[in-house]
C-alpha atoms as a PDB file:
ATOM      1  CA  UNK A   1      90.131 -17.376   5.335  1.00  0.00           C
ATOM      2  CA  UNK A   2      93.422 -15.590   5.985  1.00  0.00           C
ATOM      3  CA  UNK A   3      93.204 -11.927   6.923  1.00  0.00           C
ATOM      4  CA  UNK A   4      96.031  -9.446   8.086  1.00  0.00           C
ATOM      5  CA  UNK A   5      95.252 -10.401  11.566  1.00  0.00           C
ATOM      6  CA  UNK A   6      95.442 -14.140  10.921  1.00  0.00           C
ATOM      7  CA  UNK A   7      98.370 -15.793  12.651  1.00  0.00           C
ATOM      8  CA  UNK A   8     100.672 -17.529  10.254  1.00  0.00           C
ATOM      9  CA  UNK A   9     100.653 -20.580  12.643  1.00  0.00           C
ATOM     10  CA  UNK A  10      98.300 -21.551  15.309  1.00  0.00           C
ATOM     11  CA  UNK A  11      98.300 -24.551  17.501  1.00  0.00           C
ATOM     12  CA  UNK A  12      95.083 -25.209  19.407  1.00  0.00           C
ATOM     13  CA  UNK A  13      94.917 -27.711  22.192  1.00  0.00           C
ATOM     14  CA  UNK A  14      97.244 -29.925  20.341  1.00  0.00           C
ATOM     15  CA  UNK A  15      97.890 -33.364  21.530  1.00  0.00           C
ATOM     16  CA  UNK A  16     100.461 -35.870  20.068  1.00  0.00           C
ATOM     17  CA  UNK A  17     101.254 -39.311  21.072  1.00  0.00           C
ATOM     18  CA  UNK A  18     103.877 -41.900  19.837  1.00  0.00           C
ATOM     19  CA  UNK A  19     103.059 -45.413  19.610  1.00  0.00           C
ATOM     20  CA  UNK A  20     105.996 -47.495  21.633  1.00  0.00           C
ATOM     21  CA  UNK A  21     105.707 -51.335  21.856  1.00  0.00           C
ATOM     22  CA  UNK A  22     102.037 -51.140  20.974  1.00  0.00           C
ATOM     23  CA  UNK A  23     101.319 -48.488  23.690  1.00  0.00           C
ATOM     24  CA  UNK A  24     100.347 -44.821  22.843  1.00  0.00           C
ATOM     25  CA  UNK A  25     102.466 -42.424  24.995  1.00  0.00           C
ATOM     26  CA  UNK A  26     101.407 -38.876  25.025  1.00  0.00           C
ATOM     27  CA  UNK A  27     104.146 -36.324  24.262  1.00  0.00           C
ATOM     28  CA  UNK A  28     102.245 -33.143  23.777  1.00  0.00           C
ATOM     29  CA  UNK A  29      99.663 -32.097  26.236  1.00  0.00           C
ATOM     30  CA  UNK A  30      96.974 -29.484  25.084  1.00  0.00           C
ATOM     31  CA  UNK A  31      99.617 -27.187  23.517  1.00  0.00           C
ATOM     32  CA  UNK A  32      98.125 -23.904  22.275  1.00  0.00           C
ATOM     33  CA  UNK A  33     100.179 -21.108  20.732  1.00  0.00           C
ATOM     34  CA  UNK A  34     100.178 -18.773  17.910  1.00  0.00           C
ATOM     35  CA  UNK A  35     102.686 -16.968  15.655  1.00  0.00           C
ATOM     36  CA  UNK A  36     102.028 -13.602  13.709  1.00  0.00           C
ATOM     37  CA  UNK A  37     103.372 -12.872  10.471  1.00  0.00           C
ATOM     38  CA  UNK A  38     106.763 -11.773  10.727  1.00  0.00           C
ATOM     39  CA  UNK A  39     106.994 -12.549  14.554  1.00  0.00           C
ATOM     40  CA  UNK A  40     109.656 -14.992  15.927  1.00  0.00           C
ATOM     41  CA  UNK A  41     108.437 -17.343  18.559  1.00  0.00           C
ATOM     42  CA  UNK A  42     110.877 -19.267  20.570  1.00  0.00           C
ATOM     43  CA  UNK A  43     109.911 -22.918  22.217  1.00  0.00           C
ATOM     44  CA  UNK A  44     112.190 -23.810  25.045  1.00  0.00           C
ATOM     45  CA  UNK A  45     112.722 -26.723  27.319  1.00  0.00           C
ATOM     46  CA  UNK A  46     114.924 -29.753  28.408  1.00  0.00           C
ATOM     47  CA  UNK A  47     115.677 -32.468  26.031  1.00  0.00           C
ATOM     48  CA  UNK A  48     112.792 -34.773  25.527  1.00  0.00           C
ATOM     49  CA  UNK A  49     110.086 -32.159  26.555  1.00  0.00           C
ATOM     50  CA  UNK A  50     108.488 -32.308  23.102  1.00  0.00           C
ATOM     51  CA  UNK A  51     109.914 -29.191  21.346  1.00  0.00           C
ATOM     52  CA  UNK A  52     110.981 -30.979  18.195  1.00  0.00           C
ATOM     53  CA  UNK A  53     107.702 -32.974  18.245  1.00  0.00           C
ATOM     54  CA  UNK A  54     105.783 -29.570  18.077  1.00  0.00           C
ATOM     55  CA  UNK A  55     107.969 -28.435  15.188  1.00  0.00           C
ATOM     56  CA  UNK A  56     107.356 -31.531  13.116  1.00  0.00           C
ATOM     57  CA  UNK A  57     103.633 -31.738  13.899  1.00  0.00           C
ATOM     58  CA  UNK A  58     103.361 -28.006  12.715  1.00  0.00           C
ATOM     59  CA  UNK A  59     104.869 -29.307   9.326  1.00  0.00           C
ATOM     60  CA  UNK A  60     102.810 -32.495   9.360  1.00  0.00           C
ATOM     61  CA  UNK A  61     106.062 -34.417   9.593  1.00  0.00           C
ATOM     62  CA  UNK A  62     105.712 -36.752  12.441  1.00  0.00           C
ATOM     63  CA  UNK A  63     107.482 -40.182  12.377  1.00  0.00           C
ATOM     64  CA  UNK A  64     105.333 -43.045  11.487  1.00  0.00           C
ATOM     65  CA  UNK A  65     104.662 -43.983  15.052  1.00  0.00           C
ATOM     66  CA  UNK A  66     103.476 -40.355  15.802  1.00  0.00           C
ATOM     67  CA  UNK A  67      99.835 -39.205  15.541  1.00  0.00           C
ATOM     68  CA  UNK A  68      97.776 -36.207  16.345  1.00  0.00           C
ATOM     69  CA  UNK A  69      95.241 -37.417  18.836  1.00  0.00           C
ATOM     70  CA  UNK A  70      93.394 -34.035  19.543  1.00  0.00           C
ATOM     71  CA  UNK A  71      93.464 -30.349  18.735  1.00  0.00           C
ATOM     72  CA  UNK A  72      94.174 -28.417  15.480  1.00  0.00           C
ATOM     73  CA  UNK A  73      96.972 -26.904  13.479  1.00  0.00           C
ATOM     74  CA  UNK A  74      95.987 -23.770  11.653  1.00  0.00           C
ATOM     75  CA  UNK A  75      98.295 -22.577   8.846  1.00  0.00           C
ATOM     76  CA  UNK A  76      96.975 -18.889   7.865  1.00  0.00           C
ATOM     77  CA  UNK A  77      93.691 -19.853   9.366  1.00  0.00           C
ATOM     78  CA  UNK A  78      93.326 -23.263   7.650  1.00  0.00           C
ATOM     79  CA  UNK A  79      93.278 -26.576   9.648  1.00  0.00           C
ATOM     80  CA  UNK A  80      95.909 -28.758   8.113  1.00  0.00           C
ATOM     81  CA  UNK A  81      95.469 -31.731  10.438  1.00  0.00           C
ATOM     82  CA  UNK A  82      93.167 -33.637   8.011  1.00  0.00           C
ATOM     83  CA  UNK A  83      94.355 -32.550   4.562  1.00  0.00           C
ATOM     84  CA  UNK A  84      95.681 -34.939   2.326  1.00  0.00           C
ATOM     85  CA  UNK A  85      99.486 -35.857   1.613  1.00  0.00           C
ATOM     86  CA  UNK A  86      99.419 -33.979  -1.596  1.00  0.00           C
ATOM     87  CA  UNK A  87      98.233 -30.954  -0.064  1.00  0.00           C
ATOM     88  CA  UNK A  88     100.788 -31.172   2.644  1.00  0.00           C
ATOM     89  CA  UNK A  89     103.516 -31.609   0.272  1.00  0.00           C
ATOM     90  CA  UNK A  90     102.381 -28.491  -1.725  1.00  0.00           C
ATOM     91  CA  UNK A  91     102.525 -26.524   1.560  1.00  0.00           C
ATOM     92  CA  UNK A  92     106.125 -27.748   2.302  1.00  0.00           C
ATOM     93  CA  UNK A  93     107.126 -26.918  -1.170  1.00  0.00           C
ATOM     94  CA  UNK A  94     105.666 -23.323  -1.225  1.00  0.00           C
ATOM     95  CA  UNK A  95     104.834 -22.089   2.034  1.00  0.00           C
ATOM     96  CA  UNK A  96     106.461 -23.809   5.073  1.00  0.00           C
ATOM     97  CA  UNK A  97     110.339 -24.775   5.472  1.00  0.00           C
ATOM     98  CA  UNK A  98     112.465 -26.129   7.958  1.00  0.00           C
ATOM     99  CA  UNK A  99     116.143 -25.805   9.138  1.00  0.00           C
ATOM    100  CA  UNK A 100     116.932 -29.069  10.824  1.00  0.00           C
ATOM    101  CA  UNK A 101     119.222 -29.692  13.891  1.00  0.00           C
ATOM    102  CA  UNK A 102     122.039 -31.342  12.022  1.00  0.00           C
ATOM    103  CA  UNK A 103     122.751 -29.795   8.647  1.00  0.00           C
ATOM    104  CA  UNK A 104     125.034 -32.701   7.551  1.00  0.00           C
ATOM    105  CA  UNK A 105     122.010 -35.101   7.702  1.00  0.00           C
ATOM    106  CA  UNK A 106     119.780 -32.611   5.940  1.00  0.00           C
ATOM    107  CA  UNK A 107     121.917 -32.595   2.830  1.00  0.00           C
ATOM    108  CA  UNK A 108     122.322 -35.373   0.360  1.00  0.00           C
ATOM    109  CA  UNK A 109     125.974 -36.553   0.427  1.00  0.00           C
ATOM    110  CA  UNK A 110     125.685 -37.955  -3.098  1.00  0.00           C
ATOM    111  CA  UNK A 111     124.655 -34.796  -4.997  1.00  0.00           C
ATOM    112  CA  UNK A 112     126.497 -31.394  -5.491  1.00  0.00           C
ATOM    113  CA  UNK A 113     125.033 -28.548  -3.396  1.00  0.00           C
ATOM    114  CA  UNK A 114     124.059 -26.396  -6.400  1.00  0.00           C
ATOM    115  CA  UNK A 115     121.876 -29.343  -7.791  1.00  0.00           C
ATOM    116  CA  UNK A 116     120.265 -29.866  -4.361  1.00  0.00           C
ATOM    117  CA  UNK A 117     119.174 -26.054  -4.241  1.00  0.00           C
ATOM    118  CA  UNK A 118     118.296 -25.859  -7.743  1.00  0.00           C
ATOM    119  CA  UNK A 119     115.924 -28.851  -7.149  1.00  0.00           C
ATOM    120  CA  UNK A 120     113.778 -26.635  -4.800  1.00  0.00           C
ATOM    121  CA  UNK A 121     113.282 -24.036  -7.732  1.00  0.00           C
ATOM    122  CA  UNK A 122     112.627 -26.844 -10.099  1.00  0.00           C
ATOM    123  CA  UNK A 123     109.759 -28.179  -7.936  1.00  0.00           C
ATOM    124  CA  UNK A 124     108.206 -24.734  -8.247  1.00  0.00           C
ATOM    125  CA  UNK A 125     108.299 -24.564 -11.947  1.00  0.00           C
ATOM    126  CA  UNK A 126     111.818 -23.116 -12.870  1.00  0.00           C
ATOM    127  CA  UNK A 127     113.759 -24.556 -15.746  1.00  0.00           C
ATOM    128  CA  UNK A 128     116.974 -26.284 -14.981  1.00  0.00           C
ATOM    129  CA  UNK A 129     119.094 -23.309 -16.274  1.00  0.00           C
ATOM    130  CA  UNK A 130     117.036 -20.766 -14.386  1.00  0.00           C
ATOM    131  CA  UNK A 131     117.070 -23.078 -11.206  1.00  0.00           C
ATOM    132  CA  UNK A 132     120.911 -23.185 -11.134  1.00  0.00           C
ATOM    133  CA  UNK A 133     121.159 -19.353 -11.511  1.00  0.00           C
ATOM    134  CA  UNK A 134     118.589 -19.029  -8.845  1.00  0.00           C
ATOM    135  CA  UNK A 135     120.444 -21.584  -6.666  1.00  0.00           C
ATOM    136  CA  UNK A 136     123.589 -19.472  -6.926  1.00  0.00           C
ATOM    137  CA  UNK A 137     121.675 -16.295  -6.076  1.00  0.00           C
ATOM    138  CA  UNK A 138     120.304 -18.078  -3.079  1.00  0.00           C
ATOM    139  CA  UNK A 139     123.936 -18.844  -1.749  1.00  0.00           C
ATOM    140  CA  UNK A 140     124.607 -15.195  -2.289  1.00  0.00           C
ATOM    141  CA  UNK A 141     121.713 -14.264  -0.283  1.00  0.00           C
ATOM    142  CA  UNK A 142     123.162 -16.260   2.724  1.00  0.00           C
ATOM    143  CA  UNK A 143     126.272 -14.378   2.590  1.00  0.00           C
ATOM    144  CA  UNK A 144     128.473 -17.138   0.889  1.00  0.00           C
ATOM    145  CA  UNK A 145     131.400 -15.272  -0.730  1.00  0.00           C
ATOM    146  CA  UNK A 146     132.064 -17.843  -3.356  1.00  0.00           C
ATOM    147  CA  UNK A 147     128.816 -19.327  -4.276  1.00  0.00           C
ATOM    148  CA  UNK A 148     130.024 -20.797  -7.645  1.00  0.00           C
ATOM    149  CA  UNK A 149     132.615 -22.897  -5.899  1.00  0.00           C
ATOM    150  CA  UNK A 150     130.173 -24.044  -3.055  1.00  0.00           C
ATOM    151  CA  UNK A 151     127.710 -25.044  -5.823  1.00  0.00           C
ATOM    152  CA  UNK A 152     130.092 -27.653  -6.996  1.00  0.00           C
ATOM    153  CA  UNK A 153     131.002 -29.228  -3.546  1.00  0.00           C
ATOM    154  CA  UNK A 154     129.482 -32.132  -1.749  1.00  0.00           C
ATOM    155  CA  UNK A 155     127.912 -31.847   1.802  1.00  0.00           C
ATOM    156  CA  UNK A 156     131.129 -33.501   3.419  1.00  0.00           C
ATOM    157  CA  UNK A 157     133.369 -30.780   1.883  1.00  0.00           C
ATOM    158  CA  UNK A 158     131.475 -27.845   3.863  1.00  0.00           C
ATOM    159  CA  UNK A 159     132.276 -26.819   7.350  1.00  0.00           C
ATOM    160  CA  UNK A 160     129.531 -26.973   9.894  1.00  0.00           C
ATOM    161  CA  UNK A 161     128.773 -23.116   9.490  1.00  0.00           C
ATOM    162  CA  UNK A 162     128.821 -23.286   5.669  1.00  0.00           C
ATOM    163  CA  UNK A 163     126.521 -26.263   5.651  1.00  0.00           C
ATOM    164  CA  UNK A 164     124.127 -24.520   7.999  1.00  0.00           C
ATOM    165  CA  UNK A 165     124.022 -21.542   5.615  1.00  0.00           C
ATOM    166  CA  UNK A 166     123.424 -23.760   2.674  1.00  0.00           C
ATOM    167  CA  UNK A 167     120.382 -25.414   4.527  1.00  0.00           C
ATOM    168  CA  UNK A 168     119.095 -22.039   5.380  1.00  0.00           C
ATOM    169  CA  UNK A 169     119.476 -21.066   1.588  1.00  0.00           C
ATOM    170  CA  UNK A 170     117.460 -24.106   0.787  1.00  0.00           C
ATOM    171  CA  UNK A 171     114.786 -23.420   3.414  1.00  0.00           C
ATOM    172  CA  UNK A 172     114.388 -19.912   2.109  1.00  0.00           C
ATOM    173  CA  UNK A 173     114.385 -20.765  -1.631  1.00  0.00           C
ATOM    174  CA  UNK A 174     110.691 -21.055  -1.892  1.00  0.00           C
ATOM    175  CA  UNK A 175     110.146 -17.810   0.178  1.00  0.00           C
ATOM    176  CA  UNK A 176     108.214 -19.430   2.840  1.00  0.00           C
ATOM    177  CA  UNK A 177     105.643 -17.695   5.099  1.00  0.00           C
ATOM    178  CA  UNK A 178     106.709 -19.816   7.952  1.00  0.00           C
ATOM    179  CA  UNK A 179     110.310 -21.015   8.880  1.00  0.00           C
ATOM    180  CA  UNK A 180     110.843 -23.799  11.525  1.00  0.00           C
ATOM    181  CA  UNK A 181     114.249 -23.663  12.914  1.00  0.00           C
ATOM    182  CA  UNK A 182     115.027 -26.787  15.074  1.00  0.00           C
ATOM    183  CA  UNK A 183     118.169 -26.198  17.305  1.00  0.00           C
ATOM    184  CA  UNK A 184     119.775 -24.474  14.189  1.00  0.00           C
ATOM    185  CA  UNK A 185     123.081 -23.557  15.997  1.00  0.00           C
ATOM    186  CA  UNK A 186     123.744 -26.990  17.760  1.00  0.00           C
ATOM    187  CA  UNK A 187     127.434 -28.223  17.230  1.00  0.00           C
ATOM    188  CA  UNK A 188     128.689 -24.772  15.927  1.00  0.00           C
ATOM    189  CA  UNK A 189     131.387 -22.991  17.789  1.00  0.00           C
ATOM    190  CA  UNK A 190     130.412 -19.562  19.510  1.00  0.00           C
ATOM    191  CA  UNK A 191     131.713 -17.415  16.411  1.00  0.00           C
ATOM    192  CA  UNK A 192     129.960 -19.383  13.812  1.00  0.00           C
ATOM    193  CA  UNK A 193     126.921 -19.499  15.945  1.00  0.00           C
ATOM    194  CA  UNK A 194     126.872 -15.688  16.047  1.00  0.00           C
ATOM    195  CA  UNK A 195     127.249 -15.422  12.334  1.00  0.00           C
ATOM    196  CA  UNK A 196     124.433 -17.680  11.614  1.00  0.00           C
ATOM    197  CA  UNK A 197     122.212 -16.037  14.141  1.00  0.00           C
ATOM    198  CA  UNK A 198     122.999 -12.613  12.592  1.00  0.00           C
ATOM    199  CA  UNK A 199     122.167 -14.015   9.192  1.00  0.00           C
ATOM    200  CA  UNK A 200     118.835 -15.275  10.344  1.00  0.00           C
ATOM    201  CA  UNK A 201     118.033 -11.970  12.034  1.00  0.00           C
ATOM    202  CA  UNK A 202     118.853 -10.163   8.803  1.00  0.00           C
ATOM    203  CA  UNK A 203     116.956 -12.486   6.533  1.00  0.00           C
ATOM    204  CA  UNK A 204     113.800 -12.320   8.711  1.00  0.00           C
ATOM    205  CA  UNK A 205     113.949  -8.569   8.634  1.00  0.00           C
ATOM    206  CA  UNK A 206     114.044  -8.659   4.928  1.00  0.00           C
ATOM    207  CA  UNK A 207     111.524 -11.262   4.088  1.00  0.00           C
ATOM    208  CA  UNK A 208     108.925 -10.836   7.062  1.00  0.00           C
ATOM    209  CA  UNK A 209     108.885 -14.573   7.439  1.00  0.00           C
ATOM    210  CA  UNK A 210     107.234 -15.992  10.709  1.00  0.00           C
ATOM    211  CA  UNK A 211     109.750 -18.120  12.529  1.00  0.00           C
ATOM    212  CA  UNK A 212     109.192 -21.011  15.136  1.00  0.00           C
ATOM    213  CA  UNK A 213     112.698 -21.205  16.940  1.00  0.00           C
ATOM    214  CA  UNK A 214     113.310 -24.513  18.797  1.00  0.00           C
ATOM    215  CA  UNK A 215     116.209 -24.300  21.157  1.00  0.00           C
ATOM    216  CA  UNK A 216     117.540 -25.331  24.741  1.00  0.00           C
ATOM    217  CA  UNK A 217     119.777 -22.308  24.527  1.00  0.00           C
ATOM    218  CA  UNK A 218     118.065 -19.524  26.464  1.00  0.00           C
ATOM    219  CA  UNK A 219     120.519 -16.889  25.540  1.00  0.00           C
ATOM    220  CA  UNK A 220     119.861 -17.517  21.786  1.00  0.00           C
ATOM    221  CA  UNK A 221     116.072 -17.371  22.338  1.00  0.00           C
ATOM    222  CA  UNK A 222     116.278 -14.117  24.363  1.00  0.00           C
ATOM    223  CA  UNK A 223     118.230 -12.474  21.455  1.00  0.00           C
ATOM    224  CA  UNK A 224     116.380 -13.830  18.590  1.00  0.00           C
ATOM    225  CA  UNK A 225     112.613 -14.072  19.636  1.00  0.00           C
ATOM    226  CA  UNK A 226     109.785 -11.635  20.121  1.00  0.00           C
ATOM    227  CA  UNK A 227     107.734 -14.211  22.257  1.00  0.00           C
ATOM    228  CA  UNK A 228     108.544 -17.318  24.173  1.00  0.00           C
ATOM    229  CA  UNK A 229     106.873 -20.618  25.255  1.00  0.00           C
ATOM    230  CA  UNK A 230     108.177 -22.934  27.934  1.00  0.00           C
ATOM    231  CA  UNK A 231     107.649 -26.670  27.386  1.00  0.00           C
ATOM    232  CA  UNK A 232     107.817 -29.169  30.014  1.00  0.00           C
ATOM    233  CA  UNK A 233     106.826 -32.855  29.691  1.00  0.00           C
ATOM    234  CA  UNK A 234     104.858 -31.871  26.538  1.00  0.00           C
ATOM    235  CA  UNK A 235     102.786 -29.374  28.348  1.00  0.00           C
ATOM    236  CA  UNK A 236     103.213 -25.430  27.823  1.00  0.00           C
ATOM    237  CA  UNK A 237     103.758 -24.128  31.348  1.00  0.00           C
ATOM    238  CA  UNK A 238     104.415 -20.402  30.558  1.00  0.00           C
ATOM    239  CA  UNK A 239     104.287 -18.016  27.688  1.00  0.00           C
ATOM    240  CA  UNK A 240     104.780 -14.375  27.088  1.00  0.00           C
ATOM    241  CA  UNK A 241     106.764 -11.591  25.522  1.00  0.00           C
ATOM    242  CA  UNK A 242     110.481 -12.429  25.757  1.00  0.00           C
ATOM    243  CA  UNK A 243     111.376  -9.495  27.963  1.00  0.00           C
ATOM    244  CA  UNK A 244     108.356 -10.230  30.414  1.00  0.00           C
ATOM    245  CA  UNK A 245     109.232 -13.969  30.630  1.00  0.00           C
ATOM    246  CA  UNK A 246     112.902 -13.320  31.346  1.00  0.00           C
ATOM    247  CA  UNK A 247     112.383 -10.332  33.731  1.00  0.00           C
ATOM    248  CA  UNK A 248     109.369 -11.912  35.648  1.00  0.00           C
ATOM    249  CA  UNK A 249     109.397 -15.701  35.187  1.00  0.00           C
ATOM    250  CA  UNK A 250     106.203 -17.102  36.953  1.00  0.00           C
ATOM    251  CA  UNK A 251     106.416 -20.816  36.790  1.00  0.00           C
ATOM    252  CA  UNK A 252     108.737 -22.641  38.899  1.00  0.00           C
ATOM    253  CA  UNK A 253     110.252 -24.387  36.013  1.00  0.00           C
ATOM    254  CA  UNK A 254     111.037 -21.231  33.978  1.00  0.00           C
ATOM    255  CA  UNK A 255     112.747 -19.899  37.174  1.00  0.00           C
ATOM    256  CA  UNK A 256     114.732 -23.067  37.511  1.00  0.00           C
ATOM    257  CA  UNK A 257     115.575 -22.850  33.735  1.00  0.00           C
ATOM    258  CA  UNK A 258     116.750 -19.388  33.896  1.00  0.00           C
ATOM    259  CA  UNK A 259     118.804 -19.946  37.093  1.00  0.00           C
ATOM    260  CA  UNK A 260     120.752 -22.701  35.109  1.00  0.00           C
ATOM    261  CA  UNK A 261     122.301 -20.037  32.780  1.00  0.00           C
ATOM    262  CA  UNK A 262     125.900 -19.501  34.054  1.00  0.00           C
ATOM    263  CA  UNK A 263     126.356 -16.195  35.960  1.00  0.00           C
ATOM    264  CA  UNK A 264     129.020 -13.702  35.762  1.00  0.00           C
ATOM    265  CA  UNK A 265     131.664 -13.976  38.477  1.00  0.00           C
ATOM    266  CA  UNK A 266     131.387 -17.692  38.901  1.00  0.00           C
ATOM    267  CA  UNK A 267     134.663 -19.945  38.909  1.00  0.00           C
ATOM    268  CA  UNK A 268     134.530 -23.621  38.216  1.00  0.00           C
ATOM    269  CA  UNK A 269     136.947 -24.512  41.130  1.00  0.00           C
ATOM    270  CA  UNK A 270     134.836 -22.729  43.547  1.00  0.00           C
ATOM    271  CA  UNK A 271     131.318 -22.417  42.412  1.00  0.00           C
ATOM    272  CA  UNK A 272     128.488 -24.594  41.131  1.00  0.00           C
ATOM    273  CA  UNK A 273     125.955 -24.007  38.629  1.00  0.00           C
ATOM    274  CA  UNK A 274     122.157 -23.968  39.697  1.00  0.00           C
ATOM    275  CA  UNK A 275     120.344 -27.112  38.847  1.00  0.00           C
ATOM    276  CA  UNK A 276     116.773 -28.212  38.928  1.00  0.00           C
ATOM    277  CA  UNK A 277     116.260 -30.968  41.590  1.00  0.00           C
ATOM    278  CA  UNK A 278     115.070 -34.355  40.281  1.00  0.00           C
ATOM    279  CA  UNK A 279     114.785 -35.849  36.741  1.00  0.00           C
ATOM    280  CA  UNK A 280     112.373 -35.172  33.882  1.00  0.00           C
ATOM    281  CA  UNK A 281     109.528 -37.596  33.657  1.00  0.00           C
ATOM    282  CA  UNK A 282     109.479 -40.553  31.395  1.00  0.00           C
ATOM    283  CA  UNK A 283     108.051 -40.479  27.986  1.00  0.00           C
ATOM    284  CA  UNK A 284     104.242 -40.862  28.163  1.00  0.00           C
ATOM    285  CA  UNK A 285     104.039 -40.536  31.963  1.00  0.00           C
ATOM    286  CA  UNK A 286     100.417 -39.709  33.157  1.00  0.00           C
ATOM    287  CA  UNK A 287      99.629 -36.880  35.336  1.00  0.00           C
ATOM    288  CA  UNK A 288      96.662 -36.165  37.607  1.00  0.00           C
ATOM    289  CA  UNK A 289      97.853 -32.823  38.423  1.00  0.00           C
ATOM    290  CA  UNK A 290     100.743 -30.263  37.398  1.00  0.00           C
ATOM    291  CA  UNK A 291     103.424 -32.091  35.153  1.00  0.00           C
ATOM    292  CA  UNK A 292     106.128 -30.315  37.278  1.00  0.00           C
ATOM    293  CA  UNK A 293     104.887 -31.264  40.778  1.00  0.00           C
ATOM    294  CA  UNK A 294     107.108 -33.871  41.592  1.00  0.00           C
ATOM    295  CA  UNK A 295     110.250 -31.522  41.054  1.00  0.00           C
ATOM    296  CA  UNK A 296     108.620 -28.329  42.428  1.00  0.00           C
ATOM    297  CA  UNK A 297     109.567 -26.923  46.000  1.00  0.00           C
ATOM    298  CA  UNK A 298     106.106 -25.138  45.971  1.00  0.00           C
ATOM    299  CA  UNK A 299     104.011 -28.230  45.194  1.00  0.00           C
ATOM    300  CA  UNK A 300     100.974 -28.941  47.548  1.00  0.00           C
ATOM    301  CA  UNK A 301      98.462 -31.800  47.467  1.00  0.00           C
ATOM    302  CA  UNK A 302      96.353 -29.693  45.164  1.00  0.00           C
ATOM    303  CA  UNK A 303      99.189 -29.473  42.600  1.00  0.00           C
ATOM    304  CA  UNK A 304      99.437 -33.225  42.453  1.00  0.00           C
ATOM    305  CA  UNK A 305      95.813 -33.893  42.198  1.00  0.00           C
ATOM    306  CA  UNK A 306      94.568 -31.014  40.011  1.00  0.00           C
ATOM    307  CA  UNK A 307      95.860 -29.801  36.569  1.00  0.00           C
ATOM    308  CA  UNK A 308      96.208 -25.934  36.920  1.00  0.00           C
ATOM    309  CA  UNK A 309      94.949 -23.807  34.125  1.00  0.00           C
ATOM    310  CA  UNK A 310      96.782 -20.882  32.625  1.00  0.00           C
ATOM    311  CA  UNK A 311      96.572 -17.713  34.591  1.00  0.00           C
ATOM    312  CA  UNK A 312      97.143 -14.126  33.437  1.00  0.00           C
ATOM    313  CA  UNK A 313     100.407 -12.485  34.814  1.00  0.00           C
ATOM    314  CA  UNK A 314     100.406  -9.351  32.710  1.00  0.00           C
ATOM    315  CA  UNK A 315      99.231  -8.503  29.068  1.00  0.00           C
ATOM    316  CA  UNK A 316     100.013 -11.643  27.059  1.00  0.00           C
ATOM    317  CA  UNK A 317     102.108 -13.255  29.741  1.00  0.00           C
ATOM    318  CA  UNK A 318     100.450 -16.487  31.085  1.00  0.00           C
ATOM    319  CA  UNK A 319     101.775 -19.245  33.359  1.00  0.00           C
ATOM    320  CA  UNK A 320     100.187 -22.754  34.164  1.00  0.00           C
ATOM    321  CA  UNK A 321     100.660 -22.489  38.071  1.00  0.00           C
ATOM    322  CA  UNK A 322      98.733 -22.271  41.298  1.00  0.00           C
ATOM    323  CA  UNK A 323     101.705 -20.410  42.762  1.00  0.00           C
ATOM    324  CA  UNK A 324     102.720 -18.041  39.971  1.00  0.00           C
ATOM    325  CA  UNK A 325     102.844 -15.093  42.491  1.00  0.00           C
ATOM    326  CA  UNK A 326     105.514 -17.080  44.522  1.00  0.00           C
ATOM    327  CA  UNK A 327     107.642 -18.643  41.851  1.00  0.00           C
ATOM    328  CA  UNK A 328     110.175 -15.867  41.476  1.00  0.00           C
ATOM    329  CA  UNK A 329     110.837 -16.240  45.368  1.00  0.00           C
ATOM    330  CA  UNK A 330     112.065 -19.906  45.102  1.00  0.00           C
ATOM    331  CA  UNK A 331     115.285 -20.380  46.816  1.00  0.00           C
ATOM    332  CA  UNK A 332     118.294 -21.338  44.584  1.00  0.00           C
ATOM    333  CA  UNK A 333     119.246 -25.039  44.518  1.00  0.00           C
ATOM    334  CA  UNK A 334     122.977 -24.215  45.351  1.00  0.00           C
END
């Protein structure tokens, strides 16, 4: 039963595998996180670390070769792992929405924009006439200055920023309690990205919607999210309030990620960006110990043979590392 203190979304010890050539390969490892009503939670990490898988799992929208092998997904206190497809569809229609990474592929190229948005309202019981009026209002809500004209267009006639606004309008049409945003600014130039992020921030403030924000852009996460989780090789290695995690990173991988952000005063002809030595593990790699041990300058034999548990750093700030007290002192790679 949902109460005022019940998280909108909670993942408990979630594990997900993909079947590749007949072999199950684990992509999420014992992931636990929660998002309170009205909170924005950012999930960061390198490409292939499992961020999007976590997002699709939260919506029960995994591809055919994906399956939840352990753990639970609670939406407003109810475990949705084992509910039927009809109930899942109802949730997506009325309570959970997603903004996809590429707005061009999220929109139907053969249907006018107005009709696509109106369909969302029709699915929730509105008449065709009312749905079209509500679709135009939805476009106005996302600060599109000429919604009537945009309603008549097809997806290929929209700029990247305009298409993303349309996708956000569709996602918010059902007044969802949870909005999942998977790399929503990928491919947008800096000016358009700033406009889209300002829009998301304003809409979140107005609606009180909980947001799961997936991104590899640490600057975006820092500006948009209340709390952050860092994912590596499918494992959550650090989690905490945004300010705590950015000011006091306590897992070597988080330290490395933050040091990869370009610093002021660097010049491309003289300076080099920091890097994290080594390469990410292949999909489904088995680990006896820490998932980051092979790339970590602090790793010892224990790190390779024993999986570390989360340790408390301060408040809600936790890190999965035997050497969390030494992480911030790691030497730079360049």
